[in-house]
Structures are given as structure tokens and as C-alpha cells.
Amino acid sequence: KSRQPHPNLAYYDGNFRFEFAAPFFEGESETRFRSFLQG
């Protein structure tokens, strides 16, 4: 979080892939995620 907060990206950079993980180690295959892109 100390690097590149709130970057400004060129309009041609409008293709995103967010990758994420969670620090749950028991029953990892049962971990579920939800997401939301505000805006």
C-alpha cells in the first residue's frame, strides 16, 4: 500500500485482471471470494 496509491492510467489501459488470495490455510479449497468494482 505504500507504493503507487491511486494510479492514473491511460484510457487505453482499460483492461484489468485482479488476482487475490486469502490467509486462510485450513480448508483452502473451500475459501470463497466476493468482489465489487465501485464505479
PDB file of all heavy atoms in Angstrom:
ATOM      1  N   LYS A   1       0.802  -1.224   0.000  1.00  0.00           N
ATOM      2  CA  LYS A   1       0.000   0.000   0.000  1.00  0.00           C
ATOM      3  C   LYS A   1       0.835   1.275   0.000  1.00  0.00           C
ATOM      4  O   LYS A   1       0.327   2.343  -0.294  1.00  0.00           O
ATOM      5  CB  LYS A   1      -0.965  -0.006   1.183  1.00  0.00           C
ATOM      6  CG  LYS A   1      -2.035  -1.053   1.038  1.00  0.00           C
ATOM      7  CD  LYS A   1      -3.020  -0.997   2.175  1.00  0.00           C
ATOM      8  CE  LYS A   1      -4.055  -2.101   2.005  1.00  0.00           C
ATOM      9  NZ  LYS A   1      -5.046  -2.077   3.059  1.00  0.00           N
ATOM     10  N   SER A   2       2.130   1.192   0.311  1.00  0.00           N
ATOM     11  CA  SER A   2       2.976   2.384   0.307  1.00  0.00           C
ATOM     12  C   SER A   2       3.436   2.741  -1.105  1.00  0.00           C
ATOM     13  O   SER A   2       4.025   3.788  -1.314  1.00  0.00           O
ATOM     14  CB  SER A   2       4.187   2.179   1.210  1.00  0.00           C
ATOM     15  OG  SER A   2       5.045   1.185   0.672  1.00  0.00           O
ATOM     16  N   ARG A   3       3.173   1.881  -2.081  1.00  0.00           N
ATOM     17  CA  ARG A   3       3.605   2.114  -3.462  1.00  0.00           C
ATOM     18  C   ARG A   3       2.401   2.333  -4.366  1.00  0.00           C
ATOM     19  O   ARG A   3       1.411   1.638  -4.276  1.00  0.00           O
ATOM     20  CB  ARG A   3       4.405   0.920  -3.967  1.00  0.00           C
ATOM     21  CG  ARG A   3       5.597   0.604  -3.102  1.00  0.00           C
ATOM     22  CD  ARG A   3       6.261  -0.632  -3.569  1.00  0.00           C
ATOM     23  NE  ARG A   3       7.435  -0.207  -4.323  1.00  0.00           N
ATOM     24  CZ  ARG A   3       8.116  -0.970  -5.113  1.00  0.00           C
ATOM     25  NH1 ARG A   3       7.747  -2.205  -5.311  1.00  0.00           N
ATOM     26  NH2 ARG A   3       9.171  -0.522  -5.729  1.00  0.00           N
ATOM     27  N   GLN A   4       2.514   3.304  -5.216  1.00  0.00           N
ATOM     28  CA  GLN A   4       1.527   3.612  -6.245  1.00  0.00           C
ATOM     29  C   GLN A   4       0.085   3.689  -5.751  1.00  0.00           C
ATOM     30  O   GLN A   4      -0.790   3.009  -6.277  1.00  0.00           O
ATOM     31  CB  GLN A   4       1.609   2.600  -7.378  1.00  0.00           C
ATOM     32  CG  GLN A   4       2.764   2.816  -8.292  1.00  0.00           C
ATOM     33  CD  GLN A   4       2.666   1.940  -9.516  1.00  0.00           C
ATOM     34  OE1 GLN A   4       2.335   0.770  -9.428  1.00  0.00           O
ATOM     35  NE2 GLN A   4       2.958   2.500 -10.653  1.00  0.00           N
ATOM     36  N   PRO A   5      -0.189   4.508  -4.758  1.00  0.00           N
ATOM     37  CA  PRO A   5      -1.593   4.646  -4.358  1.00  0.00           C
ATOM     38  C   PRO A   5      -2.368   5.417  -5.421  1.00  0.00           C
ATOM     39  O   PRO A   5      -1.881   6.396  -5.962  1.00  0.00           O
ATOM     40  CB  PRO A   5      -1.509   5.419  -3.044  1.00  0.00           C
ATOM     41  CG  PRO A   5      -0.238   6.192  -3.140  1.00  0.00           C
ATOM     42  CD  PRO A   5       0.693   5.352  -3.980  1.00  0.00           C
ATOM     43  N   HIS A   6      -3.535   4.957  -5.746  1.00  0.00           N
ATOM     44  CA  HIS A   6      -4.451   5.617  -6.678  1.00  0.00           C
ATOM     45  C   HIS A   6      -3.784   5.972  -8.013  1.00  0.00           C
ATOM     46  O   HIS A   6      -3.730   7.145  -8.385  1.00  0.00           O
ATOM     47  CB  HIS A   6      -5.047   6.882  -6.058  1.00  0.00           C
ATOM     48  CG  HIS A   6      -5.503   6.715  -4.652  1.00  0.00           C
ATOM     49  ND1 HIS A   6      -6.723   6.184  -4.333  1.00  0.00           N
ATOM     50  CD2 HIS A   6      -4.892   6.982  -3.482  1.00  0.00           C
ATOM     51  CE1 HIS A   6      -6.840   6.150  -3.020  1.00  0.00           C
ATOM     52  NE2 HIS A   6      -5.744   6.610  -2.481  1.00  0.00           N
ATOM     53  N   PRO A   7      -3.270   5.008  -8.751  1.00  0.00           N
ATOM     54  CA  PRO A   7      -2.597   5.347 -10.013  1.00  0.00           C
ATOM     55  C   PRO A   7      -3.574   5.937 -11.032  1.00  0.00           C
ATOM     56  O   PRO A   7      -4.758   5.610 -11.051  1.00  0.00           O
ATOM     57  CB  PRO A   7      -2.051   4.005 -10.493  1.00  0.00           C
ATOM     58  CG  PRO A   7      -2.917   2.990  -9.861  1.00  0.00           C
ATOM     59  CD  PRO A   7      -3.315   3.571  -8.540  1.00  0.00           C
ATOM     60  N   ASN A   8      -3.041   6.821 -11.856  1.00  0.00           N
ATOM     61  CA  ASN A   8      -3.769   7.348 -13.001  1.00  0.00           C
ATOM     62  C   ASN A   8      -3.312   6.563 -14.219  1.00  0.00           C
ATOM     63  O   ASN A   8      -2.118   6.523 -14.517  1.00  0.00           O
ATOM     64  CB  ASN A   8      -3.469   8.837 -13.190  1.00  0.00           C
ATOM     65  CG  ASN A   8      -4.055   9.672 -12.084  1.00  0.00           C
ATOM     66  OD1 ASN A   8      -5.205   9.498 -11.716  1.00  0.00           O
ATOM     67  ND2 ASN A   8      -3.270  10.579 -11.545  1.00  0.00           N
ATOM     68  N   LEU A   9      -4.249   5.941 -14.903  1.00  0.00           N
ATOM     69  CA  LEU A   9      -3.926   5.086 -16.032  1.00  0.00           C
ATOM     70  C   LEU A   9      -4.496   5.676 -17.325  1.00  0.00           C
ATOM     71  O   LEU A   9      -5.571   6.268 -17.320  1.00  0.00           O
ATOM     72  CB  LEU A   9      -4.502   3.688 -15.799  1.00  0.00           C
ATOM     73  CG  LEU A   9      -4.045   3.024 -14.499  1.00  0.00           C
ATOM     74  CD1 LEU A   9      -4.866   1.788 -14.215  1.00  0.00           C
ATOM     75  CD2 LEU A   9      -2.565   2.688 -14.568  1.00  0.00           C
ATOM     76  N   ALA A  10      -3.773   5.493 -18.407  1.00  0.00           N
ATOM     77  CA  ALA A  10      -4.221   5.997 -19.703  1.00  0.00           C
ATOM     78  C   ALA A  10      -5.496   5.281 -20.133  1.00  0.00           C
ATOM     79  O   ALA A  10      -5.731   4.131 -19.751  1.00  0.00           O
ATOM     80  CB  ALA A  10      -3.125   5.789 -20.743  1.00  0.00           C
ATOM     81  N   TYR A  11      -6.296   5.931 -20.936  1.00  0.00           N
ATOM     82  CA  TYR A  11      -7.586   5.363 -21.351  1.00  0.00           C
ATOM     83  C   TYR A  11      -7.428   4.042 -22.078  1.00  0.00           C
ATOM     84  O   TYR A  11      -8.306   3.185 -22.011  1.00  0.00           O
ATOM     85  CB  TYR A  11      -8.371   6.360 -22.222  1.00  0.00           C
ATOM     86  CG  TYR A  11      -7.775   6.569 -23.592  1.00  0.00           C
ATOM     87  CD1 TYR A  11      -8.213   5.837 -24.681  1.00  0.00           C
ATOM     88  CD2 TYR A  11      -6.765   7.509 -23.786  1.00  0.00           C
ATOM     89  CE1 TYR A  11      -7.663   6.016 -25.932  1.00  0.00           C
ATOM     90  CE2 TYR A  11      -6.205   7.687 -25.025  1.00  0.00           C
ATOM     91  CZ  TYR A  11      -6.653   6.945 -26.103  1.00  0.00           C
ATOM     92  OH  TYR A  11      -6.097   7.135 -27.334  1.00  0.00           O
ATOM     93  N   TYR A  12      -6.314   3.824 -22.754  1.00  0.00           N
ATOM     94  CA  TYR A  12      -6.108   2.550 -23.457  1.00  0.00           C
ATOM     95  C   TYR A  12      -5.704   1.422 -22.510  1.00  0.00           C
ATOM     96  O   TYR A  12      -5.572   0.288 -22.917  1.00  0.00           O
ATOM     97  CB  TYR A  12      -5.103   2.694 -24.606  1.00  0.00           C
ATOM     98  CG  TYR A  12      -3.777   3.295 -24.199  1.00  0.00           C
ATOM     99  CD1 TYR A  12      -2.804   2.534 -23.554  1.00  0.00           C
ATOM    100  CD2 TYR A  12      -3.507   4.629 -24.467  1.00  0.00           C
ATOM    101  CE1 TYR A  12      -1.600   3.096 -23.189  1.00  0.00           C
ATOM    102  CE2 TYR A  12      -2.301   5.192 -24.096  1.00  0.00           C
ATOM    103  CZ  TYR A  12      -1.356   4.426 -23.466  1.00  0.00           C
ATOM    104  OH  TYR A  12      -0.157   4.980 -23.089  1.00  0.00           O
ATOM    105  N   ASP A  13      -5.529   1.747 -21.225  1.00  0.00           N
ATOM    106  CA  ASP A  13      -5.225   0.732 -20.207  1.00  0.00           C
ATOM    107  C   ASP A  13      -6.490   0.269 -19.498  1.00  0.00           C
ATOM    108  O   ASP A  13      -6.482  -0.004 -18.307  1.00  0.00           O
ATOM    109  CB  ASP A  13      -4.237   1.284 -19.166  1.00  0.00           C
ATOM    110  CG  ASP A  13      -2.828   1.382 -19.695  1.00  0.00           C
ATOM    111  OD1 ASP A  13      -2.484   0.621 -20.612  1.00  0.00           O
ATOM    112  OD2 ASP A  13      -2.072   2.232 -19.191  1.00  0.00           O
ATOM    113  N   GLY A  14      -7.586   0.153 -20.185  1.00  0.00           N
ATOM    114  CA  GLY A  14      -8.868  -0.178 -19.577  1.00  0.00           C
ATOM    115  C   GLY A  14      -9.162  -1.659 -19.433  1.00  0.00           C
ATOM    116  O   GLY A  14     -10.300  -2.038 -19.193  1.00  0.00           O
ATOM    117  N   ASN A  15      -8.165  -2.537 -19.592  1.00  0.00           N
ATOM    118  CA  ASN A  15      -8.351  -3.982 -19.439  1.00  0.00           C
ATOM    119  C   ASN A  15      -7.624  -4.438 -18.179  1.00  0.00           C
ATOM    120  O   ASN A  15      -6.404  -4.351 -18.100  1.00  0.00           O
ATOM    121  CB  ASN A  15      -7.820  -4.727 -20.657  1.00  0.00           C
ATOM    122  CG  ASN A  15      -8.560  -4.337 -21.915  1.00  0.00           C
ATOM    123  OD1 ASN A  15      -9.774  -4.215 -21.921  1.00  0.00           O
ATOM    124  ND2 ASN A  15      -7.828  -4.110 -22.993  1.00  0.00           N
ATOM    125  N   PHE A  16      -8.395  -4.918 -17.213  1.00  0.00           N
ATOM    126  CA  PHE A  16      -7.853  -5.260 -15.901  1.00  0.00           C
ATOM    127  C   PHE A  16      -8.069  -6.719 -15.547  1.00  0.00           C
ATOM    128  O   PHE A  16      -9.104  -7.296 -15.884  1.00  0.00           O
ATOM    129  CB  PHE A  16      -8.570  -4.438 -14.807  1.00  0.00           C
ATOM    130  CG  PHE A  16      -8.158  -3.012 -14.763  1.00  0.00           C
ATOM    131  CD1 PHE A  16      -8.678  -2.109 -15.659  1.00  0.00           C
ATOM    132  CD2 PHE A  16      -7.249  -2.586 -13.811  1.00  0.00           C
ATOM    133  CE1 PHE A  16      -8.299  -0.783 -15.613  1.00  0.00           C
ATOM    134  CE2 PHE A  16      -6.869  -1.261 -13.763  1.00  0.00           C
ATOM    135  CZ  PHE A  16      -7.399  -0.354 -14.673  1.00  0.00           C
ATOM    136  N   ARG A  17      -7.095  -7.283 -14.818  1.00  0.00           N
ATOM    137  CA  ARG A  17      -7.286  -8.580 -14.169  1.00  0.00           C
ATOM    138  C   ARG A  17      -6.779  -8.427 -12.743  1.00  0.00           C
ATOM    139  O   ARG A  17      -5.606  -8.151 -12.511  1.00  0.00           O
ATOM    140  CB  ARG A  17      -6.533  -9.701 -14.866  1.00  0.00           C
ATOM    141  CG  ARG A  17      -6.831 -11.051 -14.165  1.00  0.00           C
ATOM    142  CD  ARG A  17      -6.210 -12.242 -14.852  1.00  0.00           C
ATOM    143  NE  ARG A  17      -4.780 -12.218 -14.638  1.00  0.00           N
ATOM    144  CZ  ARG A  17      -3.886 -12.526 -15.578  1.00  0.00           C
ATOM    145  NH1 ARG A  17      -4.268 -12.839 -16.789  1.00  0.00           N
ATOM    146  NH2 ARG A  17      -2.595 -12.496 -15.310  1.00  0.00           N
ATOM    147  N   PHE A  18      -7.685  -8.574 -11.802  1.00  0.00           N
ATOM    148  CA  PHE A  18      -7.342  -8.541 -10.390  1.00  0.00           C
ATOM    149  C   PHE A  18      -7.143  -9.976  -9.926  1.00  0.00           C
ATOM    150  O   PHE A  18      -7.989 -10.823 -10.175  1.00  0.00           O
ATOM    151  CB  PHE A  18      -8.466  -7.891  -9.577  1.00  0.00           C
ATOM    152  CG  PHE A  18      -8.646  -6.427  -9.859  1.00  0.00           C
ATOM    153  CD1 PHE A  18      -9.565  -5.996 -10.797  1.00  0.00           C
ATOM    154  CD2 PHE A  18      -7.892  -5.493  -9.178  1.00  0.00           C
ATOM    155  CE1 PHE A  18      -9.728  -4.648 -11.056  1.00  0.00           C
ATOM    156  CE2 PHE A  18      -8.049  -4.132  -9.433  1.00  0.00           C
ATOM    157  CZ  PHE A  18      -8.969  -3.721 -10.376  1.00  0.00           C
ATOM    158  N   GLU A  19      -6.024 -10.245  -9.269  1.00  0.00           N
ATOM    159  CA  GLU A  19      -5.744 -11.559  -8.691  1.00  0.00           C
ATOM    160  C   GLU A  19      -5.633 -11.376  -7.186  1.00  0.00           C
ATOM    161  O   GLU A  19      -5.034 -10.411  -6.725  1.00  0.00           O
ATOM    162  CB  GLU A  19      -4.448 -12.127  -9.263  1.00  0.00           C
ATOM    163  CG  GLU A  19      -4.519 -12.356 -10.757  1.00  0.00           C
ATOM    164  CD  GLU A  19      -3.210 -12.864 -11.359  1.00  0.00           C
ATOM    165  OE1 GLU A  19      -2.215 -13.016 -10.611  1.00  0.00           O
ATOM    166  OE2 GLU A  19      -3.196 -13.088 -12.566  1.00  0.00           O
ATOM    167  N   PHE A  20      -6.212 -12.311  -6.424  1.00  0.00           N
ATOM    168  CA  PHE A  20      -6.241 -12.152  -4.976  1.00  0.00           C
ATOM    169  C   PHE A  20      -6.133 -13.491  -4.282  1.00  0.00           C
ATOM    170  O   PHE A  20      -6.318 -14.545  -4.888  1.00  0.00           O
ATOM    171  CB  PHE A  20      -7.504 -11.407  -4.531  1.00  0.00           C
ATOM    172  CG  PHE A  20      -8.735 -11.697  -5.361  1.00  0.00           C
ATOM    173  CD1 PHE A  20      -9.544 -12.774  -5.065  1.00  0.00           C
ATOM    174  CD2 PHE A  20      -9.070 -10.894  -6.431  1.00  0.00           C
ATOM    175  CE1 PHE A  20     -10.673 -13.050  -5.825  1.00  0.00           C
ATOM    176  CE2 PHE A  20     -10.202 -11.149  -7.205  1.00  0.00           C
ATOM    177  CZ  PHE A  20     -11.009 -12.235  -6.895  1.00  0.00           C
ATOM    178  N   ALA A  21      -5.803 -13.440  -2.998  1.00  0.00           N
ATOM    179  CA  ALA A  21      -5.661 -14.637  -2.165  1.00  0.00           C
ATOM    180  C   ALA A  21      -6.087 -14.270  -0.748  1.00  0.00           C
ATOM    181  O   ALA A  21      -6.297 -13.098  -0.446  1.00  0.00           O
ATOM    182  CB  ALA A  21      -4.213 -15.115  -2.168  1.00  0.00           C
ATOM    183  N   ALA A  22      -6.211 -15.266   0.098  1.00  0.00           N
ATOM    184  CA  ALA A  22      -6.609 -15.030   1.486  1.00  0.00           C
ATOM    185  C   ALA A  22      -5.721 -15.838   2.422  1.00  0.00           C
ATOM    186  O   ALA A  22      -5.273 -16.924   2.064  1.00  0.00           O
ATOM    187  CB  ALA A  22      -8.072 -15.423   1.696  1.00  0.00           C
ATOM    188  N   PRO A  23      -5.466 -15.318   3.630  1.00  0.00           N
ATOM    189  CA  PRO A  23      -4.604 -16.017   4.584  1.00  0.00           C
ATOM    190  C   PRO A  23      -5.342 -17.078   5.400  1.00  0.00           C
ATOM    191  O   PRO A  23      -5.175 -17.175   6.602  1.00  0.00           O
ATOM    192  CB  PRO A  23      -4.104 -14.879   5.476  1.00  0.00           C
ATOM    193  CG  PRO A  23      -5.252 -13.929   5.493  1.00  0.00           C
ATOM    194  CD  PRO A  23      -5.845 -14.004   4.108  1.00  0.00           C
ATOM    195  N   PHE A  24      -6.194 -17.852   4.748  1.00  0.00           N
ATOM    196  CA  PHE A  24      -6.880 -18.967   5.402  1.00  0.00           C
ATOM    197  C   PHE A  24      -6.208 -20.245   4.920  1.00  0.00           C
ATOM    198  O   PHE A  24      -6.164 -20.507   3.723  1.00  0.00           O
ATOM    199  CB  PHE A  24      -8.365 -18.999   5.021  1.00  0.00           C
ATOM    200  CG  PHE A  24      -9.144 -17.771   5.385  1.00  0.00           C
ATOM    201  CD1 PHE A  24     -10.014 -17.203   4.472  1.00  0.00           C
ATOM    202  CD2 PHE A  24      -9.042 -17.191   6.640  1.00  0.00           C
ATOM    203  CE1 PHE A  24     -10.756 -16.079   4.799  1.00  0.00           C
ATOM    204  CE2 PHE A  24      -9.779 -16.069   6.972  1.00  0.00           C
ATOM    205  CZ  PHE A  24     -10.634 -15.511   6.048  1.00  0.00           C
ATOM    206  N   PHE A  25      -5.684 -21.046   5.834  1.00  0.00           N
ATOM    207  CA  PHE A  25      -4.913 -22.212   5.426  1.00  0.00           C
ATOM    208  C   PHE A  25      -5.636 -23.529   5.682  1.00  0.00           C
ATOM    209  O   PHE A  25      -5.272 -24.547   5.124  1.00  0.00           O
ATOM    210  CB  PHE A  25      -3.550 -22.196   6.116  1.00  0.00           C
ATOM    211  CG  PHE A  25      -2.785 -20.942   5.797  1.00  0.00           C
ATOM    212  CD1 PHE A  25      -2.628 -19.947   6.748  1.00  0.00           C
ATOM    213  CD2 PHE A  25      -2.269 -20.739   4.531  1.00  0.00           C
ATOM    214  CE1 PHE A  25      -1.951 -18.780   6.446  1.00  0.00           C
ATOM    215  CE2 PHE A  25      -1.589 -19.585   4.214  1.00  0.00           C
ATOM    216  CZ  PHE A  25      -1.432 -18.601   5.176  1.00  0.00           C
ATOM    217  N   GLU A  26      -6.646 -23.502   6.505  1.00  0.00           N
ATOM    218  CA  GLU A  26      -7.413 -24.708   6.776  1.00  0.00           C
ATOM    219  C   GLU A  26      -8.580 -24.753   5.802  1.00  0.00           C
ATOM    220  O   GLU A  26      -9.337 -23.799   5.676  1.00  0.00           O
ATOM    221  CB  GLU A  26      -7.917 -24.695   8.219  1.00  0.00           C
ATOM    222  CG  GLU A  26      -8.398 -26.048   8.680  1.00  0.00           C
ATOM    223  CD  GLU A  26      -8.664 -26.061  10.179  1.00  0.00           C
ATOM    224  OE1 GLU A  26      -8.043 -25.286  10.915  1.00  0.00           O
ATOM    225  OE2 GLU A  26      -9.517 -26.851  10.589  1.00  0.00           O
ATOM    226  N   GLY A  27      -8.730 -25.853   5.086  1.00  0.00           N
ATOM    227  CA  GLY A  27      -9.812 -25.975   4.117  1.00  0.00           C
ATOM    228  C   GLY A  27      -9.693 -24.959   2.995  1.00  0.00           C
ATOM    229  O   GLY A  27     -10.692 -24.376   2.579  1.00  0.00           O
ATOM    230  N   GLU A  28      -8.478 -24.744   2.509  1.00  0.00           N
ATOM    231  CA  GLU A  28      -8.233 -23.734   1.468  1.00  0.00           C
ATOM    232  C   GLU A  28      -9.155 -23.867   0.264  1.00  0.00           C
ATOM    233  O   GLU A  28      -9.586 -22.870  -0.294  1.00  0.00           O
ATOM    234  CB  GLU A  28      -6.787 -23.803   0.981  1.00  0.00           C
ATOM    235  CG  GLU A  28      -5.853 -22.908   1.720  1.00  0.00           C
ATOM    236  CD  GLU A  28      -4.471 -22.931   1.103  1.00  0.00           C
ATOM    237  OE1 GLU A  28      -3.676 -23.803   1.504  1.00  0.00           O
ATOM    238  OE2 GLU A  28      -4.208 -22.098   0.229  1.00  0.00           O
ATOM    239  N   SER A  29      -9.454 -25.081  -0.126  1.00  0.00           N
ATOM    240  CA  SER A  29     -10.300 -25.281  -1.310  1.00  0.00           C
ATOM    241  C   SER A  29     -11.732 -24.809  -1.080  1.00  0.00           C
ATOM    242  O   SER A  29     -12.489 -24.649  -2.032  1.00  0.00           O
ATOM    243  CB  SER A  29     -10.294 -26.748  -1.741  1.00  0.00           C
ATOM    244  OG  SER A  29     -10.890 -27.546  -0.735  1.00  0.00           O
ATOM    245  N   GLU A  30     -12.092 -24.576   0.175  1.00  0.00           N
ATOM    246  CA  GLU A  30     -13.442 -24.086   0.492  1.00  0.00           C
ATOM    247  C   GLU A  30     -13.508 -22.561   0.639  1.00  0.00           C
ATOM    248  O   GLU A  30     -14.585 -22.012   0.878  1.00  0.00           O
ATOM    249  CB  GLU A  30     -13.933 -24.736   1.792  1.00  0.00           C
ATOM    250  CG  GLU A  30     -14.059 -26.240   1.705  1.00  0.00           C
ATOM    251  CD  GLU A  30     -15.022 -26.689   0.609  1.00  0.00           C
ATOM    252  OE1 GLU A  30     -16.105 -26.094   0.475  1.00  0.00           O
ATOM    253  OE2 GLU A  30     -14.664 -27.629  -0.131  1.00  0.00           O
ATOM    254  N   THR A  31     -12.371 -21.887   0.515  1.00  0.00           N
ATOM    255  CA  THR A  31     -12.363 -20.430   0.601  1.00  0.00           C
ATOM    256  C   THR A  31     -13.129 -19.852  -0.580  1.00  0.00           C
ATOM    257  O   THR A  31     -12.981 -20.294  -1.715  1.00  0.00           O
ATOM    258  CB  THR A  31     -10.920 -19.878   0.611  1.00  0.00           C
ATOM    259  OG1 THR A  31     -10.231 -20.435   1.736  1.00  0.00           O
ATOM    260  CG2 THR A  31     -10.900 -18.369   0.705  1.00  0.00           C
ATOM    261  N   ARG A  32     -13.965 -18.857  -0.299  1.00  0.00           N
ATOM    262  CA  ARG A  32     -14.770 -18.188  -1.324  1.00  0.00           C
ATOM    263  C   ARG A  32     -14.481 -16.696  -1.281  1.00  0.00           C
ATOM    264  O   ARG A  32     -14.120 -16.146  -0.245  1.00  0.00           O
ATOM    265  CB  ARG A  32     -16.274 -18.424  -1.097  1.00  0.00           C
ATOM    266  CG  ARG A  32     -16.684 -19.890  -1.169  1.00  0.00           C
ATOM    267  CD  ARG A  32     -16.547 -20.416  -2.593  1.00  0.00           C
ATOM    268  NE  ARG A  32     -16.947 -21.794  -2.732  1.00  0.00           N
ATOM    269  CZ  ARG A  32     -16.125 -22.831  -2.811  1.00  0.00           C
ATOM    270  NH1 ARG A  32     -14.824 -22.652  -2.726  1.00  0.00           N
ATOM    271  NH2 ARG A  32     -16.575 -24.050  -2.977  1.00  0.00           N
ATOM    272  N   PHE A  33     -14.638 -16.052  -2.431  1.00  0.00           N
ATOM    273  CA  PHE A  33     -14.367 -14.632  -2.555  1.00  0.00           C
ATOM    274  C   PHE A  33     -15.564 -13.930  -3.179  1.00  0.00           C
ATOM    275  O   PHE A  33     -16.302 -14.511  -3.972  1.00  0.00           O
ATOM    276  CB  PHE A  33     -13.151 -14.403  -3.464  1.00  0.00           C
ATOM    277  CG  PHE A  33     -11.898 -15.035  -2.953  1.00  0.00           C
ATOM    278  CD1 PHE A  33     -11.569 -16.339  -3.296  1.00  0.00           C
ATOM    279  CD2 PHE A  33     -11.036 -14.333  -2.126  1.00  0.00           C
ATOM    280  CE1 PHE A  33     -10.406 -16.926  -2.821  1.00  0.00           C
ATOM    281  CE2 PHE A  33      -9.879 -14.917  -1.653  1.00  0.00           C
ATOM    282  CZ  PHE A  33      -9.564 -16.215  -2.001  1.00  0.00           C
ATOM    283  N   ARG A  34     -15.702 -12.659  -2.823  1.00  0.00           N
ATOM    284  CA  ARG A  34     -16.674 -11.817  -3.496  1.00  0.00           C
ATOM    285  C   ARG A  34     -15.961 -10.509  -3.822  1.00  0.00           C
ATOM    286  O   ARG A  34     -15.029 -10.097  -3.118  1.00  0.00           O
ATOM    287  CB  ARG A  34     -17.921 -11.587  -2.665  1.00  0.00           C
ATOM    288  CG  ARG A  34     -17.718 -10.763  -1.421  1.00  0.00           C
ATOM    289  CD  ARG A  34     -19.028 -10.564  -0.702  1.00  0.00           C
ATOM    290  NE  ARG A  34     -18.835  -9.709   0.467  1.00  0.00           N
ATOM    291  CZ  ARG A  34     -19.822  -9.182   1.165  1.00  0.00           C
ATOM    292  NH1 ARG A  34     -21.078  -9.444   0.822  1.00  0.00           N
ATOM    293  NH2 ARG A  34     -19.575  -8.420   2.197  1.00  0.00           N
ATOM    294  N   SER A  35     -16.401  -9.878  -4.898  1.00  0.00           N
ATOM    295  CA  SER A  35     -15.756  -8.635  -5.321  1.00  0.00           C
ATOM    296  C   SER A  35     -16.804  -7.650  -5.824  1.00  0.00           C
ATOM    297  O   SER A  35     -17.953  -8.011  -6.086  1.00  0.00           O
ATOM    298  CB  SER A  35     -14.721  -8.923  -6.409  1.00  0.00           C
ATOM    299  OG  SER A  35     -15.344  -9.485  -7.545  1.00  0.00           O
ATOM    300  N   PHE A  36     -16.339  -6.423  -5.972  1.00  0.00           N
ATOM    301  CA  PHE A  36     -17.229  -5.339  -6.378  1.00  0.00           C
ATOM    302  C   PHE A  36     -16.359  -4.217  -6.935  1.00  0.00           C
ATOM    303  O   PHE A  36     -15.426  -3.768  -6.268  1.00  0.00           O
ATOM    304  CB  PHE A  36     -18.020  -4.877  -5.153  1.00  0.00           C
ATOM    305  CG  PHE A  36     -18.773  -3.592  -5.303  1.00  0.00           C
ATOM    306  CD1 PHE A  36     -19.698  -3.398  -6.314  1.00  0.00           C
ATOM    307  CD2 PHE A  36     -18.581  -2.571  -4.393  1.00  0.00           C
ATOM    308  CE1 PHE A  36     -20.400  -2.215  -6.422  1.00  0.00           C
ATOM    309  CE2 PHE A  36     -19.287  -1.380  -4.478  1.00  0.00           C
ATOM    310  CZ  PHE A  36     -20.198  -1.201  -5.505  1.00  0.00           C
ATOM    311  N   LEU A  37     -16.618  -3.782  -8.161  1.00  0.00           N
ATOM    312  CA  LEU A  37     -15.897  -2.659  -8.747  1.00  0.00           C
ATOM    313  C   LEU A  37     -16.796  -1.434  -8.692  1.00  0.00           C
ATOM    314  O   LEU A  37     -17.689  -1.258  -9.513  1.00  0.00           O
ATOM    315  CB  LEU A  37     -15.459  -2.953 -10.179  1.00  0.00           C
ATOM    316  CG  LEU A  37     -14.626  -1.852 -10.849  1.00  0.00           C
ATOM    317  CD1 LEU A  37     -13.374  -1.534 -10.047  1.00  0.00           C
ATOM    318  CD2 LEU A  37     -14.278  -2.239 -12.274  1.00  0.00           C
ATOM    319  N   GLN A  38     -16.562  -0.613  -7.678  1.00  0.00           N
ATOM    320  CA  GLN A  38     -17.337   0.613  -7.487  1.00  0.00           C
ATOM    321  C   GLN A  38     -17.031   1.562  -8.644  1.00  0.00           C
ATOM    322  O   GLN A  38     -15.888   1.752  -9.011  1.00  0.00           O
ATOM    323  CB  GLN A  38     -16.940   1.239  -6.159  1.00  0.00           C
ATOM    324  CG  GLN A  38     -17.747   2.421  -5.743  1.00  0.00           C
ATOM    325  CD  GLN A  38     -17.323   2.908  -4.356  1.00  0.00           C
ATOM    326  OE1 GLN A  38     -16.620   2.224  -3.622  1.00  0.00           O
ATOM    327  NE2 GLN A  38     -17.748   4.092  -4.027  1.00  0.00           N
ATOM    328  N   GLY A  39     -18.057   2.116  -9.225  1.00  0.00           N
ATOM    329  CA  GLY A  39     -17.913   2.957 -10.409  1.00  0.00           C
ATOM    330  C   GLY A  39     -18.270   2.204 -11.673  1.00  0.00           C
ATOM    331  O   GLY A  39     -18.367   2.780 -12.750  1.00  0.00           O
TER     332      GLY A  39
END
